[in-house]
Amino acid sequence: MDVVLWVILAVVLAVAEIFTTTLFLLMFSIGAGAAAGAAALGAPMPVQAGVFVGVSALTLVAGRPALRRRFGKDDPADLVLPPMLGASALVVEQVGAGAGMVKVDGELWQARSLEGSGGYLPGERVRIVEVDGGVAVVWRDDLPGLGERRLQPE
């Protein structure tokens, strides 16, 4: 019966990990799986608990950092930002030191101008030089990139 409980715990933790994507709960899921193995071999409950704690701690200390280096970054924004940096955008609402709006690849983004760069009027092209939270920081884009056409405001 202990085996079933440990397997259920391992599965619940693995499913919860799918929703958190932190690789934290996965380490406890592995520990629960190891405890299920110990239970299957007939180990008493204190040994099973020790296996769970030991394997979970070992995977947290040794396995999680290696997995994070291999599969993920700390900042989820890293998945979005590299393609956006340097991208050309069309101003759709006046952009200044305060908030404005730009269109990047068909998506609207809040934007503000880079300090000292002035403001931009609707229809002007700008280049994204930084992303600050959910706000694109833009600078004047005087020349289109290779193969890029200038878009007209809608």
N, C-alpha and C. Protein backbone atom coordinates (compact mmCIF):
# COMPACT_ATOMS: atom_id res chain seq x y z
N MET A 1 0.81 -1.19 0.00
CA MET A 1 0.00 0.00 0.00
C MET A 1 0.86 1.26 0.00
N ASP A 2 2.02 1.20 0.67
CA ASP A 2 2.92 2.35 0.69
C ASP A 2 3.40 2.71 -0.72
N VAL A 3 3.63 1.69 -1.53
CA VAL A 3 4.11 1.91 -2.90
C VAL A 3 3.11 2.78 -3.66
N VAL A 4 1.83 2.44 -3.55
CA VAL A 4 0.79 3.18 -4.26
C VAL A 4 0.75 4.64 -3.80
N LEU A 5 0.87 4.87 -2.51
CA LEU A 5 0.84 6.24 -1.99
C LEU A 5 2.02 7.06 -2.51
N TRP A 6 3.20 6.46 -2.53
CA TRP A 6 4.38 7.16 -3.03
C TRP A 6 4.25 7.44 -4.52
N VAL A 7 3.72 6.49 -5.27
CA VAL A 7 3.55 6.69 -6.72
C VAL A 7 2.53 7.81 -6.97
N ILE A 8 1.44 7.80 -6.20
CA ILE A 8 0.44 8.87 -6.35
C ILE A 8 1.08 10.23 -6.05
N LEU A 9 1.86 10.30 -4.97
CA LEU A 9 2.53 11.55 -4.62
C LEU A 9 3.49 11.98 -5.74
N ALA A 10 4.23 11.03 -6.29
CA ALA A 10 5.17 11.34 -7.37
C ALA A 10 4.43 11.90 -8.59
N VAL A 11 3.31 11.29 -8.94
CA VAL A 11 2.54 11.74 -10.11
C VAL A 11 1.93 13.12 -9.85
N VAL A 12 1.36 13.32 -8.67
CA VAL A 12 0.76 14.62 -8.34
C VAL A 12 1.82 15.72 -8.40
N LEU A 13 2.99 15.46 -7.85
CA LEU A 13 4.06 16.46 -7.89
C LEU A 13 4.54 16.72 -9.31
N ALA A 14 4.63 15.67 -10.12
CA ALA A 14 5.06 15.84 -11.52
C ALA A 14 4.03 16.66 -12.30
N VAL A 15 2.76 16.40 -12.08
CA VAL A 15 1.71 17.17 -12.76
C VAL A 15 1.74 18.62 -12.29
N ALA A 16 1.93 18.84 -11.01
CA ALA A 16 2.01 20.21 -10.49
C ALA A 16 3.21 20.94 -11.10
N GLU A 17 4.30 20.22 -11.33
CA GLU A 17 5.48 20.82 -11.95
C GLU A 17 5.18 21.33 -13.35
N ILE A 18 4.32 20.64 -14.06
CA ILE A 18 3.96 21.07 -15.41
C ILE A 18 3.38 22.48 -15.38
N PHE A 19 2.65 22.80 -14.33
CA PHE A 19 2.02 24.11 -14.24
C PHE A 19 2.93 25.18 -13.67
N THR A 20 3.94 24.79 -12.90
CA THR A 20 4.83 25.79 -12.30
C THR A 20 6.08 26.03 -13.14
N THR A 21 6.58 25.01 -13.81
CA THR A 21 7.78 25.06 -14.66
C THR A 21 9.00 25.65 -13.95
N THR A 22 9.13 25.39 -12.65
CA THR A 22 10.28 25.88 -11.90
C THR A 22 11.33 24.80 -11.67
N LEU A 23 11.00 23.56 -11.98
CA LEU A 23 11.84 22.39 -11.74
C LEU A 23 12.02 22.11 -10.26
N PHE A 24 11.25 22.78 -9.41
CA PHE A 24 11.35 22.58 -7.96
C PHE A 24 10.55 21.34 -7.54
N LEU A 25 9.30 21.27 -7.94
CA LEU A 25 8.45 20.14 -7.55
C LEU A 25 8.91 18.84 -8.21
N LEU A 26 9.56 18.95 -9.36
CA LEU A 26 10.06 17.75 -10.03
C LEU A 26 11.06 17.01 -9.15
N MET A 27 11.86 17.74 -8.40
CA MET A 27 12.86 17.12 -7.53
C MET A 27 12.19 16.29 -6.43
N PHE A 28 11.08 16.79 -5.90
CA PHE A 28 10.34 16.04 -4.89
C PHE A 28 9.60 14.86 -5.52
N SER A 29 9.19 15.02 -6.76
CA SER A 29 8.57 13.91 -7.48
C SER A 29 9.57 12.77 -7.66
N ILE A 30 10.79 13.11 -7.97
CA ILE A 30 11.85 12.09 -8.10
C ILE A 30 12.09 11.43 -6.75
N GLY A 31 12.11 12.21 -5.69
CA GLY A 31 12.27 11.66 -4.34
C GLY A 31 11.15 10.71 -3.98
N ALA A 32 9.90 11.07 -4.34
CA ALA A 32 8.76 10.20 -4.07
C ALA A 32 8.86 8.92 -4.89
N GLY A 33 9.35 9.02 -6.11
CA GLY A 33 9.56 7.82 -6.93
C GLY A 33 10.59 6.90 -6.31
N ALA A 34 11.67 7.48 -5.79
CA ALA A 34 12.69 6.66 -5.12
C ALA A 34 12.13 6.02 -3.86
N ALA A 35 11.30 6.75 -3.12
CA ALA A 35 10.67 6.18 -1.92
C ALA A 35 9.71 5.05 -2.30
N ALA A 36 9.04 5.18 -3.44
CA ALA A 36 8.17 4.10 -3.93
C ALA A 36 9.01 2.86 -4.22
N GLY A 37 10.20 3.07 -4.77
CA GLY A 37 11.10 1.94 -5.02
C GLY A 37 11.53 1.28 -3.72
N ALA A 38 11.84 2.09 -2.72
CA ALA A 38 12.22 1.54 -1.41
C ALA A 38 11.05 0.77 -0.80
N ALA A 39 9.84 1.29 -0.95
CA ALA A 39 8.65 0.60 -0.42
C ALA A 39 8.43 -0.72 -1.14
N ALA A 40 8.68 -0.72 -2.45
CA ALA A 40 8.51 -1.96 -3.22
C ALA A 40 9.51 -3.03 -2.79
N LEU A 41 10.67 -2.60 -2.30
CA LEU A 41 11.68 -3.55 -1.82
C LEU A 41 11.42 -3.97 -0.38
N GLY A 42 10.36 -3.44 0.23
CA GLY A 42 9.98 -3.86 1.58
C GLY A 42 10.58 -3.04 2.70
N ALA A 43 11.13 -1.88 2.40
CA ALA A 43 11.72 -1.03 3.44
C ALA A 43 10.62 -0.49 4.35
N PRO A 44 10.91 -0.34 5.65
CA PRO A 44 9.90 0.23 6.57
C PRO A 44 9.70 1.72 6.28
N MET A 45 8.60 2.26 6.79
CA MET A 45 8.22 3.65 6.52
C MET A 45 9.32 4.66 6.89
N PRO A 46 10.03 4.54 8.03
CA PRO A 46 11.09 5.51 8.32
C PRO A 46 12.19 5.51 7.25
N VAL A 47 12.51 4.33 6.72
CA VAL A 47 13.53 4.25 5.65
C VAL A 47 12.98 4.90 4.38
N GLN A 48 11.71 4.65 4.07
CA GLN A 48 11.09 5.26 2.89
C GLN A 48 11.13 6.79 2.99
N ALA A 49 10.79 7.29 4.18
CA ALA A 49 10.81 8.73 4.40
C ALA A 49 12.23 9.28 4.26
N GLY A 50 13.20 8.53 4.77
CA GLY A 50 14.60 8.95 4.64
C GLY A 50 15.04 8.97 3.19
N VAL A 51 14.62 7.96 2.42
CA VAL A 51 14.95 7.93 0.99
C VAL A 51 14.32 9.13 0.29
N PHE A 52 13.06 9.42 0.62
CA PHE A 52 12.37 10.56 0.02
C PHE A 52 13.12 11.86 0.30
N VAL A 53 13.44 12.09 1.57
CA VAL A 53 14.13 13.32 1.96
C VAL A 53 15.53 13.38 1.34
N GLY A 54 16.26 12.27 1.41
CA GLY A 54 17.63 12.24 0.89
C GLY A 54 17.69 12.45 -0.61
N VAL A 55 16.88 11.72 -1.35
CA VAL A 55 16.90 11.85 -2.81
C VAL A 55 16.39 13.23 -3.23
N SER A 56 15.35 13.72 -2.57
CA SER A 56 14.84 15.05 -2.90
C SER A 56 15.91 16.12 -2.66
N ALA A 57 16.59 16.03 -1.53
CA ALA A 57 17.65 17.00 -1.22
C ALA A 57 18.79 16.90 -2.21
N LEU A 58 19.18 15.68 -2.55
CA LEU A 58 20.27 15.49 -3.51
C LEU A 58 19.92 16.06 -4.88
N THR A 59 18.70 15.80 -5.34
CA THR A 59 18.32 16.33 -6.65
C THR A 59 18.16 17.85 -6.62
N LEU A 60 17.72 18.39 -5.48
CA LEU A 60 17.63 19.86 -5.38
C LEU A 60 19.00 20.50 -5.44
N VAL A 61 19.97 19.90 -4.75
CA VAL A 61 21.30 20.48 -4.68
C VAL A 61 22.10 20.23 -5.96
N ALA A 62 22.04 19.03 -6.49
CA ALA A 62 22.87 18.67 -7.64
C ALA A 62 22.12 18.71 -8.98
N GLY A 63 20.92 18.20 -9.00
CA GLY A 63 20.21 18.06 -10.27
C GLY A 63 19.54 19.31 -10.78
N ARG A 64 18.90 20.05 -9.89
CA ARG A 64 18.13 21.22 -10.33
C ARG A 64 18.99 22.29 -10.99
N PRO A 65 20.13 22.66 -10.41
CA PRO A 65 20.96 23.67 -11.09
C PRO A 65 21.41 23.23 -12.48
N ALA A 66 21.76 21.95 -12.62
CA ALA A 66 22.18 21.46 -13.93
C ALA A 66 21.02 21.49 -14.92
N LEU A 67 19.83 21.11 -14.48
CA LEU A 67 18.66 21.15 -15.36
C LEU A 67 18.29 22.58 -15.74
N ARG A 68 18.41 23.50 -14.82
CA ARG A 68 18.09 24.90 -15.13
C ARG A 68 19.07 25.48 -16.13
N ARG A 69 20.35 25.12 -16.01
CA ARG A 69 21.32 25.59 -16.99
C ARG A 69 21.01 25.02 -18.36
N ARG A 70 20.58 23.76 -18.38
CA ARG A 70 20.33 23.08 -19.65
C ARG A 70 19.03 23.50 -20.31
N PHE A 71 17.95 23.62 -19.53
CA PHE A 71 16.63 23.79 -20.11
C PHE A 71 15.97 25.14 -19.89
N GLY A 72 16.39 25.89 -18.92
CA GLY A 72 15.64 27.11 -18.66
C GLY A 72 16.45 28.21 -18.06
N LYS A 73 15.90 29.40 -18.22
CA LYS A 73 16.49 30.59 -17.62
C LYS A 73 15.63 31.01 -16.45
N ASP A 74 16.18 31.88 -15.61
CA ASP A 74 15.40 32.38 -14.48
C ASP A 74 14.28 33.31 -14.93
N ASP A 75 14.52 34.03 -16.01
CA ASP A 75 13.56 35.04 -16.45
C ASP A 75 12.74 34.55 -17.63
N PRO A 76 11.44 34.37 -17.48
CA PRO A 76 10.62 33.95 -18.60
C PRO A 76 10.65 34.94 -19.75
N ALA A 77 10.98 36.19 -19.45
CA ALA A 77 11.04 37.18 -20.51
C ALA A 77 12.15 36.87 -21.50
N ASP A 78 13.14 36.08 -21.11
CA ASP A 78 14.22 35.72 -22.02
C ASP A 78 13.69 35.01 -23.26
N LEU A 79 12.52 34.42 -23.17
CA LEU A 79 11.94 33.75 -24.33
C LEU A 79 11.39 34.75 -25.33
N VAL A 80 11.02 35.93 -24.88
CA VAL A 80 10.39 36.93 -25.74
C VAL A 80 11.38 38.00 -26.18
N LEU A 81 12.28 38.40 -25.30
CA LEU A 81 13.09 39.58 -25.55
C LEU A 81 14.10 39.46 -26.68
N PRO A 82 14.89 38.41 -26.80
CA PRO A 82 15.91 38.41 -27.85
C PRO A 82 15.37 38.71 -29.25
N PRO A 83 14.24 38.12 -29.68
CA PRO A 83 13.75 38.47 -31.01
C PRO A 83 13.26 39.92 -31.10
N MET A 84 12.80 40.49 -29.99
CA MET A 84 12.28 41.86 -30.02
C MET A 84 13.37 42.90 -30.05
N LEU A 85 14.47 42.64 -29.38
CA LEU A 85 15.54 43.64 -29.33
C LEU A 85 16.07 43.88 -30.73
N GLY A 86 16.08 45.13 -31.12
CA GLY A 86 16.53 45.50 -32.45
C GLY A 86 15.44 45.44 -33.51
N ALA A 87 14.25 44.98 -33.14
CA ALA A 87 13.16 44.88 -34.10
C ALA A 87 12.65 46.27 -34.46
N SER A 88 12.18 46.39 -35.68
CA SER A 88 11.59 47.63 -36.14
C SER A 88 10.12 47.65 -35.76
N ALA A 89 9.60 48.82 -35.40
CA ALA A 89 8.21 48.95 -34.98
C ALA A 89 7.61 50.21 -35.59
N LEU A 90 6.30 50.21 -35.71
CA LEU A 90 5.57 51.35 -36.24
C LEU A 90 4.84 52.04 -35.09
N VAL A 91 5.03 53.35 -34.97
CA VAL A 91 4.35 54.11 -33.91
C VAL A 91 2.89 54.26 -34.30
N VAL A 92 1.99 53.84 -33.40
CA VAL A 92 0.55 53.99 -33.65
C VAL A 92 -0.08 55.04 -32.74
N GLU A 93 0.52 55.31 -31.60
CA GLU A 93 0.13 56.41 -30.71
C GLU A 93 1.40 57.12 -30.31
N GLN A 94 1.36 58.44 -30.24
CA GLN A 94 2.55 59.23 -29.96
C GLN A 94 3.34 58.65 -28.79
N VAL A 95 4.64 58.50 -29.02
CA VAL A 95 5.55 57.94 -28.02
C VAL A 95 6.46 59.06 -27.54
N GLY A 96 6.54 59.23 -26.24
CA GLY A 96 7.45 60.20 -25.64
C GLY A 96 8.03 59.60 -24.39
N ALA A 97 8.35 60.47 -23.43
CA ALA A 97 8.88 59.97 -22.16
C ALA A 97 7.81 59.17 -21.42
N GLY A 98 6.53 59.53 -21.68
CA GLY A 98 5.42 58.77 -21.11
C GLY A 98 5.06 57.61 -22.02
N ALA A 99 3.91 57.04 -21.80
CA ALA A 99 3.51 55.86 -22.57
C ALA A 99 2.97 56.25 -23.94
N GLY A 100 3.25 55.40 -24.90
CA GLY A 100 2.70 55.47 -26.25
C GLY A 100 2.49 54.04 -26.71
N MET A 101 2.17 53.85 -27.98
CA MET A 101 1.95 52.50 -28.50
C MET A 101 2.70 52.32 -29.81
N VAL A 102 3.29 51.12 -29.95
CA VAL A 102 3.92 50.74 -31.21
C VAL A 102 3.40 49.38 -31.63
N LYS A 103 3.51 49.11 -32.93
CA LYS A 103 3.11 47.81 -33.45
C LYS A 103 4.37 47.07 -33.89
N VAL A 104 4.57 45.89 -33.33
CA VAL A 104 5.73 45.05 -33.63
C VAL A 104 5.21 43.71 -34.12
N ASP A 105 5.52 43.35 -35.34
CA ASP A 105 5.06 42.08 -35.91
C ASP A 105 3.57 41.86 -35.69
N GLY A 106 2.78 42.90 -35.89
CA GLY A 106 1.34 42.78 -35.77
C GLY A 106 0.80 42.87 -34.35
N GLU A 107 1.66 42.99 -33.36
CA GLU A 107 1.23 43.08 -31.96
C GLU A 107 1.44 44.49 -31.44
N LEU A 108 0.49 44.98 -30.66
CA LEU A 108 0.62 46.29 -30.04
C LEU A 108 1.37 46.18 -28.72
N TRP A 109 2.31 47.10 -28.53
CA TRP A 109 3.10 47.14 -27.30
C TRP A 109 3.10 48.57 -26.77
N GLN A 110 3.05 48.69 -25.44
CA GLN A 110 3.28 50.00 -24.84
C GLN A 110 4.73 50.35 -25.09
N ALA A 111 4.99 51.64 -25.28
CA ALA A 111 6.36 52.05 -25.57
C ALA A 111 6.64 53.41 -24.95
N ARG A 112 7.92 53.66 -24.74
CA ARG A 112 8.39 54.98 -24.33
C ARG A 112 9.71 55.21 -25.04
N SER A 113 10.05 56.48 -25.22
CA SER A 113 11.29 56.78 -25.93
C SER A 113 12.48 56.65 -24.99
N LEU A 114 13.62 56.35 -25.58
CA LEU A 114 14.87 56.29 -24.83
C LEU A 114 15.16 57.70 -24.32
N GLU A 115 15.70 57.80 -23.12
CA GLU A 115 15.98 59.12 -22.53
C GLU A 115 16.76 59.99 -23.50
N GLY A 116 16.28 61.21 -23.68
CA GLY A 116 16.98 62.16 -24.52
C GLY A 116 16.72 61.99 -26.01
N SER A 117 15.87 61.04 -26.39
CA SER A 117 15.65 60.81 -27.82
C SER A 117 14.44 61.56 -28.36
N GLY A 118 13.73 62.30 -27.51
CA GLY A 118 12.57 63.05 -27.98
C GLY A 118 11.35 62.17 -28.10
N GLY A 119 10.40 62.61 -28.91
CA GLY A 119 9.17 61.86 -29.08
C GLY A 119 8.99 61.44 -30.52
N TYR A 120 8.04 60.55 -30.75
CA TYR A 120 7.79 60.03 -32.08
C TYR A 120 6.30 60.08 -32.37
N LEU A 121 5.95 60.46 -33.59
CA LEU A 121 4.56 60.62 -33.99
C LEU A 121 4.05 59.37 -34.68
N PRO A 122 2.73 59.18 -34.71
CA PRO A 122 2.17 58.02 -35.41
C PRO A 122 2.64 57.98 -36.86
N GLY A 123 2.98 56.79 -37.31
CA GLY A 123 3.48 56.59 -38.66
C GLY A 123 4.99 56.52 -38.75
N GLU A 124 5.70 57.00 -37.73
CA GLU A 124 7.16 56.94 -37.75
C GLU A 124 7.64 55.53 -37.42
N ARG A 125 8.81 55.19 -37.94
CA ARG A 125 9.44 53.90 -37.64
C ARG A 125 10.41 54.10 -36.48
N VAL A 126 10.41 53.16 -35.57
CA VAL A 126 11.34 53.17 -34.44
C VAL A 126 11.96 51.79 -34.31
N ARG A 127 13.05 51.72 -33.57
CA ARG A 127 13.72 50.46 -33.32
C ARG A 127 13.68 50.20 -31.82
N ILE A 128 13.40 48.95 -31.43
CA ILE A 128 13.34 48.59 -30.01
C ILE A 128 14.76 48.35 -29.52
N VAL A 129 15.17 49.13 -28.52
CA VAL A 129 16.53 49.03 -28.00
C VAL A 129 16.58 48.37 -26.63
N GLU A 130 15.42 48.28 -25.98
CA GLU A 130 15.36 47.70 -24.64
C GLU A 130 13.91 47.36 -24.34
N VAL A 131 13.70 46.40 -23.45
CA VAL A 131 12.35 46.12 -22.96
C VAL A 131 12.39 46.23 -21.45
N ASP A 132 11.54 47.09 -20.92
CA ASP A 132 11.48 47.34 -19.48
C ASP A 132 10.14 46.84 -18.98
N GLY A 133 10.11 45.62 -18.46
CA GLY A 133 8.84 45.00 -18.07
C GLY A 133 8.01 44.74 -19.31
N GLY A 134 6.84 45.33 -19.39
CA GLY A 134 5.99 45.18 -20.57
C GLY A 134 6.03 46.39 -21.48
N VAL A 135 7.06 47.22 -21.35
CA VAL A 135 7.17 48.45 -22.12
C VAL A 135 8.40 48.39 -23.02
N ALA A 136 8.19 48.62 -24.31
CA ALA A 136 9.31 48.66 -25.26
C ALA A 136 9.93 50.05 -25.21
N VAL A 137 11.24 50.11 -25.08
CA VAL A 137 11.97 51.38 -25.10
C VAL A 137 12.50 51.53 -26.52
N VAL A 138 12.15 52.66 -27.17
CA VAL A 138 12.42 52.79 -28.61
C VAL A 138 13.32 53.97 -28.92
N TRP A 139 13.92 53.90 -30.11
CA TRP A 139 14.81 54.92 -30.65
C TRP A 139 14.47 55.06 -32.12
N ARG A 140 14.71 56.23 -32.69
CA ARG A 140 14.38 56.48 -34.09
C ARG A 140 15.04 55.45 -35.01
N ASP A 141 14.26 54.98 -35.99
CA ASP A 141 14.76 54.01 -36.97
C ASP A 141 14.77 54.72 -38.32
N ASP A 142 15.93 55.25 -38.71
CA ASP A 142 16.01 56.03 -39.94
C ASP A 142 16.03 55.18 -41.20
N LEU A 143 16.66 54.02 -41.12
CA LEU A 143 16.77 53.18 -42.31
C LEU A 143 16.15 51.82 -42.07
N PRO A 144 15.35 51.32 -43.04
CA PRO A 144 14.79 49.98 -42.87
C PRO A 144 15.88 48.94 -43.03
N GLY A 145 15.69 47.79 -42.41
CA GLY A 145 16.63 46.70 -42.55
C GLY A 145 16.52 46.07 -43.92
N LEU A 146 17.42 45.17 -44.25
CA LEU A 146 17.39 44.49 -45.54
C LEU A 146 16.07 43.77 -45.73
N GLY A 147 15.44 43.97 -46.85
CA GLY A 147 14.20 43.27 -47.16
C GLY A 147 13.01 43.77 -46.38
N GLU A 148 13.18 44.81 -45.60
CA GLU A 148 12.08 45.31 -44.77
C GLU A 148 11.39 46.43 -45.52
N ARG A 149 10.09 46.46 -45.49
CA ARG A 149 9.36 47.54 -46.14
C ARG A 149 8.75 48.43 -45.06
N ARG A 150 8.59 49.66 -45.39
CA ARG A 150 7.99 50.60 -44.44
C ARG A 150 6.49 50.39 -44.45
N LEU A 151 5.92 50.24 -43.26
CA LEU A 151 4.48 50.04 -43.13
C LEU A 151 3.79 51.39 -42.96
N GLN A 152 2.61 51.49 -43.49
CA GLN A 152 1.80 52.69 -43.33
C GLN A 152 0.90 52.51 -42.12
N PRO A 153 0.60 53.58 -41.40
CA PRO A 153 -0.31 53.44 -40.25
C PRO A 153 -1.69 53.01 -40.71
N GLU A 154 -2.34 52.22 -39.87
CA GLU A 154 -3.67 51.73 -40.23
C GLU A 154 -4.74 52.70 -39.84
